[in-house]
Amino acid sequence: MATKIQRIKLSMRALLLTFLAACASSQHWVKSGVTSAASNQSLATCALESEGKVAFSTDPATTEPRQRQVDRLTTLCMQAQGYIKETGPFGD
């Protein structure tokens, strides 16, 4: 069984990977009248909340399905706030 510190480290790594993947993609979240900085802050909040809602596992077979669940919850959170995911260059 993973210790609390190990779970926290795993959570932080998963969160970092999520943000790095988001930065590398050409998709971003937009909302009328909202700057990209505010959009990124909303995304970070949604991602962090989503991480806390999905159970951890040390089984490598469940790591990817867990990340898909986190991504899905993050998407739902952003959509609930009125954001739309668009493809293209970043900017305000």
PDB file of N, CA and C in Angstrom:
ATOM      1  N   MET A   1       0.844  -1.179   0.000  1.00  0.00           N
ATOM      2  CA  MET A   1       0.000   0.000   0.000  1.00  0.00           C
ATOM      3  C   MET A   1       0.893   1.246   0.000  1.00  0.00           C
ATOM      4  N   ALA A   2       0.545   2.177  -0.845  1.00  0.00           N
ATOM      5  CA  ALA A   2       1.341   3.391  -0.962  1.00  0.00           C
ATOM      6  C   ALA A   2       1.138   4.295   0.251  1.00  0.00           C
ATOM      7  N   THR A   3       2.200   4.915   0.663  1.00  0.00           N
ATOM      8  CA  THR A   3       2.094   5.855   1.768  1.00  0.00           C
ATOM      9  C   THR A   3       1.479   7.149   1.267  1.00  0.00           C
ATOM     10  N   LYS A   4       1.081   7.982   2.207  1.00  0.00           N
ATOM     11  CA  LYS A   4       0.465   9.256   1.853  1.00  0.00           C
ATOM     12  C   LYS A   4       1.424  10.118   1.034  1.00  0.00           C
ATOM     13  N   ILE A   5       2.690  10.124   1.404  1.00  0.00           N
ATOM     14  CA  ILE A   5       3.687  10.916   0.670  1.00  0.00           C
ATOM     15  C   ILE A   5       3.845  10.387  -0.749  1.00  0.00           C
ATOM     16  N   GLN A   6       3.860   9.070  -0.916  1.00  0.00           N
ATOM     17  CA  GLN A   6       3.974   8.485  -2.249  1.00  0.00           C
ATOM     18  C   GLN A   6       2.766   8.859  -3.103  1.00  0.00           C
ATOM     19  N   ARG A   7       1.592   8.847  -2.505  1.00  0.00           N
ATOM     20  CA  ARG A   7       0.387   9.224  -3.249  1.00  0.00           C
ATOM     21  C   ARG A   7       0.425  10.688  -3.647  1.00  0.00           C
ATOM     22  N   ILE A   8       0.921  11.537  -2.765  1.00  0.00           N
ATOM     23  CA  ILE A   8       1.025  12.963  -3.076  1.00  0.00           C
ATOM     24  C   ILE A   8       2.022  13.172  -4.219  1.00  0.00           C
ATOM     25  N   LYS A   9       3.171  12.492  -4.148  1.00  0.00           N
ATOM     26  CA  LYS A   9       4.167  12.608  -5.213  1.00  0.00           C
ATOM     27  C   LYS A   9       3.596  12.139  -6.542  1.00  0.00           C
ATOM     28  N   LEU A  10       2.869  11.029  -6.518  1.00  0.00           N
ATOM     29  CA  LEU A  10       2.252  10.506  -7.734  1.00  0.00           C
ATOM     30  C   LEU A  10       1.233  11.494  -8.282  1.00  0.00           C
ATOM     31  N   SER A  11       0.468  12.092  -7.391  1.00  0.00           N
ATOM     32  CA  SER A  11      -0.522  13.085  -7.802  1.00  0.00           C
ATOM     33  C   SER A  11       0.146  14.289  -8.459  1.00  0.00           C
ATOM     34  N   MET A  12       1.214  14.763  -7.856  1.00  0.00           N
ATOM     35  CA  MET A  12       1.912  15.926  -8.412  1.00  0.00           C
ATOM     36  C   MET A  12       2.524  15.603  -9.767  1.00  0.00           C
ATOM     37  N   ARG A  13       3.059  14.404  -9.915  1.00  0.00           N
ATOM     38  CA  ARG A  13       3.617  14.000 -11.213  1.00  0.00           C
ATOM     39  C   ARG A  13       2.530  13.929 -12.273  1.00  0.00           C
ATOM     40  N   ALA A  14       1.396  13.354 -11.917  1.00  0.00           N
ATOM     41  CA  ALA A  14       0.293  13.258 -12.874  1.00  0.00           C
ATOM     42  C   ALA A  14      -0.207  14.645 -13.264  1.00  0.00           C
ATOM     43  N   LEU A  15      -0.300  15.529 -12.288  1.00  0.00           N
ATOM     44  CA  LEU A  15      -0.745  16.894 -12.563  1.00  0.00           C
ATOM     45  C   LEU A  15       0.247  17.611 -13.470  1.00  0.00           C
ATOM     46  N   LEU A  16       1.525  17.449 -13.211  1.00  0.00           N
ATOM     47  CA  LEU A  16       2.547  18.066 -14.047  1.00  0.00           C
ATOM     48  C   LEU A  16       2.481  17.532 -15.465  1.00  0.00           C
ATOM     49  N   LEU A  17       2.308  16.219 -15.606  1.00  0.00           N
ATOM     50  CA  LEU A  17       2.195  15.633 -16.940  1.00  0.00           C
ATOM     51  C   LEU A  17       0.966  16.151 -17.672  1.00  0.00           C
ATOM     52  N   THR A  18      -0.114  16.338 -16.942  1.00  0.00           N
ATOM     53  CA  THR A  18      -1.332  16.883 -17.548  1.00  0.00           C
ATOM     54  C   THR A  18      -1.081  18.283 -18.091  1.00  0.00           C
ATOM     55  N   PHE A  19      -0.427  19.120 -17.301  1.00  0.00           N
ATOM     56  CA  PHE A  19      -0.143  20.479 -17.744  1.00  0.00           C
ATOM     57  C   PHE A  19       0.840  20.510 -18.899  1.00  0.00           C
ATOM     58  N   LEU A  20       1.850  19.648 -18.859  1.00  0.00           N
ATOM     59  CA  LEU A  20       2.806  19.600 -19.965  1.00  0.00           C
ATOM     60  C   LEU A  20       2.128  19.147 -21.249  1.00  0.00           C
ATOM     61  N   ALA A  21       1.249  18.181 -21.139  1.00  0.00           N
ATOM     62  CA  ALA A  21       0.515  17.714 -22.319  1.00  0.00           C
ATOM     63  C   ALA A  21      -0.387  18.818 -22.857  1.00  0.00           C
ATOM     64  N   ALA A  22      -1.007  19.564 -21.967  1.00  0.00           N
ATOM     65  CA  ALA A  22      -1.878  20.658 -22.395  1.00  0.00           C
ATOM     66  C   ALA A  22      -1.074  21.750 -23.103  1.00  0.00           C
ATOM     67  N   CYS A  23       0.117  22.025 -22.609  1.00  0.00           N
ATOM     68  CA  CYS A  23       0.963  23.044 -23.230  1.00  0.00           C
ATOM     69  C   CYS A  23       1.452  22.597 -24.599  1.00  0.00           C
ATOM     70  N   ALA A  24       1.690  21.311 -24.758  1.00  0.00           N
ATOM     71  CA  ALA A  24       2.231  20.795 -26.011  1.00  0.00           C
ATOM     72  C   ALA A  24       1.157  20.704 -27.096  1.00  0.00           C
ATOM     73  N   SER A  25      -0.097  20.635 -26.724  1.00  0.00           N
ATOM     74  CA  SER A  25      -1.154  20.487 -27.722  1.00  0.00           C
ATOM     75  C   SER A  25      -1.502  21.837 -28.328  1.00  0.00           C
ATOM     76  N   SER A  26      -2.140  21.787 -29.487  1.00  0.00           N
ATOM     77  CA  SER A  26      -2.564  23.023 -30.131  1.00  0.00           C
ATOM     78  C   SER A  26      -3.994  23.378 -29.736  1.00  0.00           C
ATOM     79  N   GLN A  27      -4.557  22.635 -28.811  1.00  0.00           N
ATOM     80  CA  GLN A  27      -5.895  22.933 -28.335  1.00  0.00           C
ATOM     81  C   GLN A  27      -5.810  23.757 -27.063  1.00  0.00           C
ATOM     82  N   HIS A  28      -6.745  24.669 -26.909  1.00  0.00           N
ATOM     83  CA  HIS A  28      -6.788  25.476 -25.699  1.00  0.00           C
ATOM     84  C   HIS A  28      -8.238  25.851 -25.417  1.00  0.00           C
ATOM     85  N   TRP A  29      -8.472  26.296 -24.195  1.00  0.00           N
ATOM     86  CA  TRP A  29      -9.818  26.655 -23.756  1.00  0.00           C
ATOM     87  C   TRP A  29     -10.029  28.149 -23.923  1.00  0.00           C
ATOM     88  N   VAL A  30     -11.186  28.521 -24.484  1.00  0.00           N
ATOM     89  CA  VAL A  30     -11.508  29.936 -24.678  1.00  0.00           C
ATOM     90  C   VAL A  30     -12.897  30.229 -24.131  1.00  0.00           C
ATOM     91  N   LYS A  31     -13.062  31.470 -23.729  1.00  0.00           N
ATOM     92  CA  LYS A  31     -14.345  31.951 -23.249  1.00  0.00           C
ATOM     93  C   LYS A  31     -14.375  33.443 -23.549  1.00  0.00           C
ATOM     94  N   SER A  32     -15.461  33.910 -24.096  1.00  0.00           N
ATOM     95  CA  SER A  32     -15.578  35.312 -24.474  1.00  0.00           C
ATOM     96  C   SER A  32     -15.294  36.224 -23.282  1.00  0.00           C
ATOM     97  N   GLY A  33     -14.401  37.192 -23.511  1.00  0.00           N
ATOM     98  CA  GLY A  33     -14.077  38.161 -22.484  1.00  0.00           C
ATOM     99  C   GLY A  33     -13.093  37.682 -21.432  1.00  0.00           C
ATOM    100  N   VAL A  34     -12.508  36.505 -21.627  1.00  0.00           N
ATOM    101  CA  VAL A  34     -11.588  35.942 -20.652  1.00  0.00           C
ATOM    102  C   VAL A  34     -10.194  35.850 -21.282  1.00  0.00           C
ATOM    103  N   THR A  35      -9.181  36.332 -20.581  1.00  0.00           N
ATOM    104  CA  THR A  35      -7.812  36.266 -21.079  1.00  0.00           C
ATOM    105  C   THR A  35      -7.288  34.836 -21.020  1.00  0.00           C
ATOM    106  N   SER A  36      -6.213  34.583 -21.754  1.00  0.00           N
ATOM    107  CA  SER A  36      -5.622  33.243 -21.720  1.00  0.00           C
ATOM    108  C   SER A  36      -5.054  32.945 -20.332  1.00  0.00           C
ATOM    109  N   ALA A  37      -4.571  33.964 -19.631  1.00  0.00           N
ATOM    110  CA  ALA A  37      -4.064  33.748 -18.266  1.00  0.00           C
ATOM    111  C   ALA A  37      -5.188  33.283 -17.336  1.00  0.00           C
ATOM    112  N   ALA A  38      -6.337  33.922 -17.429  1.00  0.00           N
ATOM    113  CA  ALA A  38      -7.484  33.519 -16.603  1.00  0.00           C
ATOM    114  C   ALA A  38      -7.976  32.136 -17.005  1.00  0.00           C
ATOM    115  N   SER A  39      -7.946  31.847 -18.299  1.00  0.00           N
ATOM    116  CA  SER A  39      -8.343  30.529 -18.793  1.00  0.00           C
ATOM    117  C   SER A  39      -7.404  29.455 -18.254  1.00  0.00           C
ATOM    118  N   ASN A  40      -6.107  29.747 -18.267  1.00  0.00           N
ATOM    119  CA  ASN A  40      -5.128  28.787 -17.738  1.00  0.00           C
ATOM    120  C   ASN A  40      -5.318  28.569 -16.240  1.00  0.00           C
ATOM    121  N   GLN A  41      -5.681  29.614 -15.533  1.00  0.00           N
ATOM    122  CA  GLN A  41      -5.928  29.479 -14.098  1.00  0.00           C
ATOM    123  C   GLN A  41      -7.159  28.605 -13.851  1.00  0.00           C
ATOM    124  N   SER A  42      -8.201  28.798 -14.641  1.00  0.00           N
ATOM    125  CA  SER A  42      -9.396  27.953 -14.519  1.00  0.00           C
ATOM    126  C   SER A  42      -9.068  26.501 -14.834  1.00  0.00           C
ATOM    127  N   LEU A  43      -8.249  26.296 -15.871  1.00  0.00           N
ATOM    128  CA  LEU A  43      -7.852  24.938 -16.237  1.00  0.00           C
ATOM    129  C   LEU A  43      -7.067  24.283 -15.107  1.00  0.00           C
ATOM    130  N   ALA A  44      -6.160  25.028 -14.503  1.00  0.00           N
ATOM    131  CA  ALA A  44      -5.374  24.483 -13.392  1.00  0.00           C
ATOM    132  C   ALA A  44      -6.272  24.108 -12.218  1.00  0.00           C
ATOM    133  N   THR A  45      -7.240  24.962 -11.925  1.00  0.00           N
ATOM    134  CA  THR A  45      -8.169  24.686 -10.830  1.00  0.00           C
ATOM    135  C   THR A  45      -8.989  23.436 -11.123  1.00  0.00           C
ATOM    136  N   CYS A  46      -9.517  23.349 -12.338  1.00  0.00           N
ATOM    137  CA  CYS A  46     -10.323  22.184 -12.721  1.00  0.00           C
ATOM    138  C   CYS A  46      -9.485  20.901 -12.682  1.00  0.00           C
ATOM    139  N   ALA A  47      -8.255  20.978 -13.178  1.00  0.00           N
ATOM    140  CA  ALA A  47      -7.392  19.797 -13.193  1.00  0.00           C
ATOM    141  C   ALA A  47      -7.074  19.337 -11.780  1.00  0.00           C
ATOM    142  N   LEU A  48      -6.785  20.286 -10.903  1.00  0.00           N
ATOM    143  CA  LEU A  48      -6.467  19.948  -9.515  1.00  0.00           C
ATOM    144  C   LEU A  48      -7.675  19.327  -8.813  1.00  0.00           C
ATOM    145  N   GLU A  49      -8.846  19.895  -9.025  1.00  0.00           N
ATOM    146  CA  GLU A  49     -10.064  19.335  -8.439  1.00  0.00           C
ATOM    147  C   GLU A  49     -10.329  17.935  -8.982  1.00  0.00           C
ATOM    148  N   SER A  50     -10.112  17.747 -10.279  1.00  0.00           N
ATOM    149  CA  SER A  50     -10.346  16.447 -10.904  1.00  0.00           C
ATOM    150  C   SER A  50      -9.390  15.394 -10.363  1.00  0.00           C
ATOM    151  N   GLU A  51      -8.133  15.778 -10.150  1.00  0.00           N
ATOM    152  CA  GLU A  51      -7.148  14.849  -9.588  1.00  0.00           C
ATOM    153  C   GLU A  51      -7.621  14.312  -8.242  1.00  0.00           C
ATOM    154  N   GLY A  52      -8.234  15.174  -7.447  1.00  0.00           N
ATOM    155  CA  GLY A  52      -8.689  14.766  -6.124  1.00  0.00           C
ATOM    156  C   GLY A  52      -9.921  13.891  -6.126  1.00  0.00           C
ATOM    157  N   LYS A  53     -10.621  13.839  -7.243  1.00  0.00           N
ATOM    158  CA  LYS A  53     -11.867  13.074  -7.310  1.00  0.00           C
ATOM    159  C   LYS A  53     -11.684  11.654  -7.829  1.00  0.00           C
ATOM    160  N   VAL A  54     -10.505  11.352  -8.387  1.00  0.00           N
ATOM    161  CA  VAL A  54     -10.272  10.033  -8.974  1.00  0.00           C
ATOM    162  C   VAL A  54      -9.282   9.282  -8.092  1.00  0.00           C
ATOM    163  N   ALA A  55      -9.643   8.072  -7.711  1.00  0.00           N
ATOM    164  CA  ALA A  55      -8.815   7.270  -6.806  1.00  0.00           C
ATOM    165  C   ALA A  55      -7.459   6.937  -7.419  1.00  0.00           C
ATOM    166  N   PHE A  56      -6.448   6.842  -6.541  1.00  0.00           N
ATOM    167  CA  PHE A  56      -5.098   6.481  -6.962  1.00  0.00           C
ATOM    168  C   PHE A  56      -4.915   4.978  -6.926  1.00  0.00           C
ATOM    169  N   SER A  57      -3.968   4.532  -7.731  1.00  0.00           N
ATOM    170  CA  SER A  57      -3.597   3.126  -7.720  1.00  0.00           C
ATOM    171  C   SER A  57      -2.118   3.034  -8.059  1.00  0.00           C
ATOM    172  N   THR A  58      -1.429   2.088  -7.473  1.00  0.00           N
ATOM    173  CA  THR A  58      -0.022   1.873  -7.815  1.00  0.00           C
ATOM    174  C   THR A  58       0.117   0.851  -8.935  1.00  0.00           C
ATOM    175  N   ASP A  59      -1.000   0.308  -9.393  1.00  0.00           N
ATOM    176  CA  ASP A  59      -1.001  -0.667 -10.481  1.00  0.00           C
ATOM    177  C   ASP A  59      -0.811   0.071 -11.802  1.00  0.00           C
ATOM    178  N   PRO A  60       0.290  -0.205 -12.532  1.00  0.00           N
ATOM    179  CA  PRO A  60       0.534   0.491 -13.797  1.00  0.00           C
ATOM    180  C   PRO A  60      -0.584   0.301 -14.825  1.00  0.00           C
ATOM    181  N   ALA A  61      -1.316  -0.780 -14.704  1.00  0.00           N
ATOM    182  CA  ALA A  61      -2.400  -1.042 -15.657  1.00  0.00           C
ATOM    183  C   ALA A  61      -3.548  -0.047 -15.508  1.00  0.00           C
ATOM    184  N   THR A  62      -3.669   0.581 -14.346  1.00  0.00           N
ATOM    185  CA  THR A  62      -4.774   1.515 -14.124  1.00  0.00           C
ATOM    186  C   THR A  62      -4.348   2.973 -14.242  1.00  0.00           C
ATOM    187  N   THR A  63      -3.071   3.236 -14.477  1.00  0.00           N
ATOM    188  CA  THR A  63      -2.589   4.612 -14.546  1.00  0.00           C
ATOM    189  C   THR A  63      -3.207   5.362 -15.716  1.00  0.00           C
ATOM    190  N   GLU A  64      -3.186   4.785 -16.910  1.00  0.00           N
ATOM    191  CA  GLU A  64      -3.743   5.472 -18.073  1.00  0.00           C
ATOM    192  C   GLU A  64      -5.259   5.644 -17.971  1.00  0.00           C
ATOM    193  N   PRO A  65      -6.013   4.598 -17.597  1.00  0.00           N
ATOM    194  CA  PRO A  65      -7.454   4.818 -17.434  1.00  0.00           C
ATOM    195  C   PRO A  65      -7.766   5.901 -16.401  1.00  0.00           C
ATOM    196  N   ARG A  66      -6.968   5.990 -15.326  1.00  0.00           N
ATOM    197  CA  ARG A  66      -7.177   7.023 -14.323  1.00  0.00           C
ATOM    198  C   ARG A  66      -6.968   8.391 -14.945  1.00  0.00           C
ATOM    199  N   GLN A  67      -5.922   8.535 -15.752  1.00  0.00           N
ATOM    200  CA  GLN A  67      -5.647   9.832 -16.374  1.00  0.00           C
ATOM    201  C   GLN A  67      -6.776  10.220 -17.328  1.00  0.00           C
ATOM    202  N   ARG A  68      -7.340   9.253 -18.034  1.00  0.00           N
ATOM    203  CA  ARG A  68      -8.476   9.552 -18.915  1.00  0.00           C
ATOM    204  C   ARG A  68      -9.666  10.050 -18.100  1.00  0.00           C
ATOM    205  N   GLN A  69      -9.882   9.451 -16.927  1.00  0.00           N
ATOM    206  CA  GLN A  69     -10.972   9.908 -16.056  1.00  0.00           C
ATOM    207  C   GLN A  69     -10.714  11.328 -15.574  1.00  0.00           C
ATOM    208  N   VAL A  70      -9.482  11.612 -15.196  1.00  0.00           N
ATOM    209  CA  VAL A  70      -9.126  12.960 -14.751  1.00  0.00           C
ATOM    210  C   VAL A  70      -9.336  13.957 -15.892  1.00  0.00           C
ATOM    211  N   ASP A  71      -8.894  13.600 -17.084  1.00  0.00           N
ATOM    212  CA  ASP A  71      -9.062  14.474 -18.249  1.00  0.00           C
ATOM    213  C   ASP A  71     -10.542  14.735 -18.539  1.00  0.00           C
ATOM    214  N   ARG A  72     -11.347  13.681 -18.426  1.00  0.00           N
ATOM    215  CA  ARG A  72     -12.789  13.829 -18.685  1.00  0.00           C
ATOM    216  C   ARG A  72     -13.424  14.769 -17.664  1.00  0.00           C
ATOM    217  N   LEU A  73     -13.079  14.600 -16.384  1.00  0.00           N
ATOM    218  CA  LEU A  73     -13.631  15.476 -15.349  1.00  0.00           C
ATOM    219  C   LEU A  73     -13.147  16.916 -15.528  1.00  0.00           C
ATOM    220  N   THR A  74     -11.898  17.084 -15.951  1.00  0.00           N
ATOM    221  CA  THR A  74     -11.367  18.421 -16.200  1.00  0.00           C
ATOM    222  C   THR A  74     -12.132  19.080 -17.341  1.00  0.00           C
ATOM    223  N   THR A  75     -12.397  18.325 -18.388  1.00  0.00           N
ATOM    224  CA  THR A  75     -13.169  18.845 -19.528  1.00  0.00           C
ATOM    225  C   THR A  75     -14.569  19.253 -19.088  1.00  0.00           C
ATOM    226  N   LEU A  76     -15.226  18.406 -18.314  1.00  0.00           N
ATOM    227  CA  LEU A  76     -16.577  18.733 -17.837  1.00  0.00           C
ATOM    228  C   LEU A  76     -16.571  19.985 -16.960  1.00  0.00           C
ATOM    229  N   CYS A  77     -15.557  20.133 -16.126  1.00  0.00           N
ATOM    230  CA  CYS A  77     -15.432  21.308 -15.259  1.00  0.00           C
ATOM    231  C   CYS A  77     -15.296  22.574 -16.100  1.00  0.00           C
ATOM    232  N   MET A  78     -14.436  22.521 -17.106  1.00  0.00           N
ATOM    233  CA  MET A  78     -14.238  23.698 -17.963  1.00  0.00           C
ATOM    234  C   MET A  78     -15.508  24.026 -18.743  1.00  0.00           C
ATOM    235  N   GLN A  79     -16.168  23.019 -19.269  1.00  0.00           N
ATOM    236  CA  GLN A  79     -17.407  23.242 -20.014  1.00  0.00           C
ATOM    237  C   GLN A  79     -18.492  23.814 -19.108  1.00  0.00           C
ATOM    238  N   ALA A  80     -18.545  23.375 -17.868  1.00  0.00           N
ATOM    239  CA  ALA A  80     -19.538  23.885 -16.916  1.00  0.00           C
ATOM    240  C   ALA A  80     -19.324  25.365 -16.628  1.00  0.00           C
ATOM    241  N   GLN A  81     -18.091  25.832 -16.797  1.00  0.00           N
ATOM    242  CA  GLN A  81     -17.788  27.245 -16.587  1.00  0.00           C
ATOM    243  C   GLN A  81     -17.962  28.075 -17.862  1.00  0.00           C
ATOM    244  N   GLY A  82     -18.387  27.429 -18.943  1.00  0.00           N
ATOM    245  CA  GLY A  82     -18.655  28.148 -20.184  1.00  0.00           C
ATOM    246  C   GLY A  82     -17.498  28.202 -21.158  1.00  0.00           C
ATOM    247  N   TYR A  83     -16.434  27.440 -20.901  1.00  0.00           N
ATOM    248  CA  TYR A  83     -15.286  27.421 -21.810  1.00  0.00           C
ATOM    249  C   TYR A  83     -15.545  26.473 -22.970  1.00  0.00           C
ATOM    250  N   ILE A  84     -14.905  26.773 -24.093  1.00  0.00           N
ATOM    251  CA  ILE A  84     -14.976  25.942 -25.288  1.00  0.00           C
ATOM    252  C   ILE A  84     -13.554  25.588 -25.675  1.00  0.00           C
ATOM    253  N   LYS A  85     -13.316  24.324 -26.014  1.00  0.00           N
ATOM    254  CA  LYS A  85     -11.983  23.895 -26.431  1.00  0.00           C
ATOM    255  C   LYS A  85     -11.843  24.168 -27.935  1.00  0.00           C
ATOM    256  N   GLU A  86     -10.808  24.924 -28.283  1.00  0.00           N
ATOM    257  CA  GLU A  86     -10.557  25.255 -29.680  1.00  0.00           C
ATOM    258  C   GLU A  86      -9.158  24.812 -30.082  1.00  0.00           C
ATOM    259  N   THR A  87      -8.987  24.619 -31.389  1.00  0.00           N
ATOM    260  CA  THR A  87      -7.684  24.276 -31.930  1.00  0.00           C
ATOM    261  C   THR A  87      -7.135  25.499 -32.637  1.00  0.00           C
ATOM    262  N   GLY A  88      -5.854  25.775 -32.421  1.00  0.00           N
ATOM    263  CA  GLY A  88      -5.223  26.907 -33.091  1.00  0.00           C
ATOM    264  C   GLY A  88      -4.197  27.559 -32.198  1.00  0.00           C
ATOM    265  N   PRO A  89      -3.692  28.711 -32.623  1.00  0.00           N
ATOM    266  CA  PRO A  89      -2.647  29.398 -31.860  1.00  0.00           C
ATOM    267  C   PRO A  89      -3.188  29.967 -30.560  1.00  0.00           C
ATOM    268  N   PHE A  90      -2.308  30.063 -29.570  1.00  0.00           N
ATOM    269  CA  PHE A  90      -2.679  30.651 -28.294  1.00  0.00           C
ATOM    270  C   PHE A  90      -2.712  32.157 -28.427  1.00  0.00           C
ATOM    271  N   GLY A  91      -3.457  32.802 -27.556  1.00  0.00           N
ATOM    272  CA  GLY A  91      -3.498  34.259 -27.549  1.00  0.00           C
ATOM    273  C   GLY A  91      -4.728  34.756 -26.847  1.00  0.00           C
ATOM    274  N   ASP A  92      -4.752  36.037 -26.552  1.00  0.00           N
ATOM    275  CA  ASP A  92      -5.899  36.633 -25.862  1.00  0.00           C
ATOM    276  C   ASP A  92      -6.903  37.160 -26.848  1.00  0.00           C
TER     277      ASP A  92
END
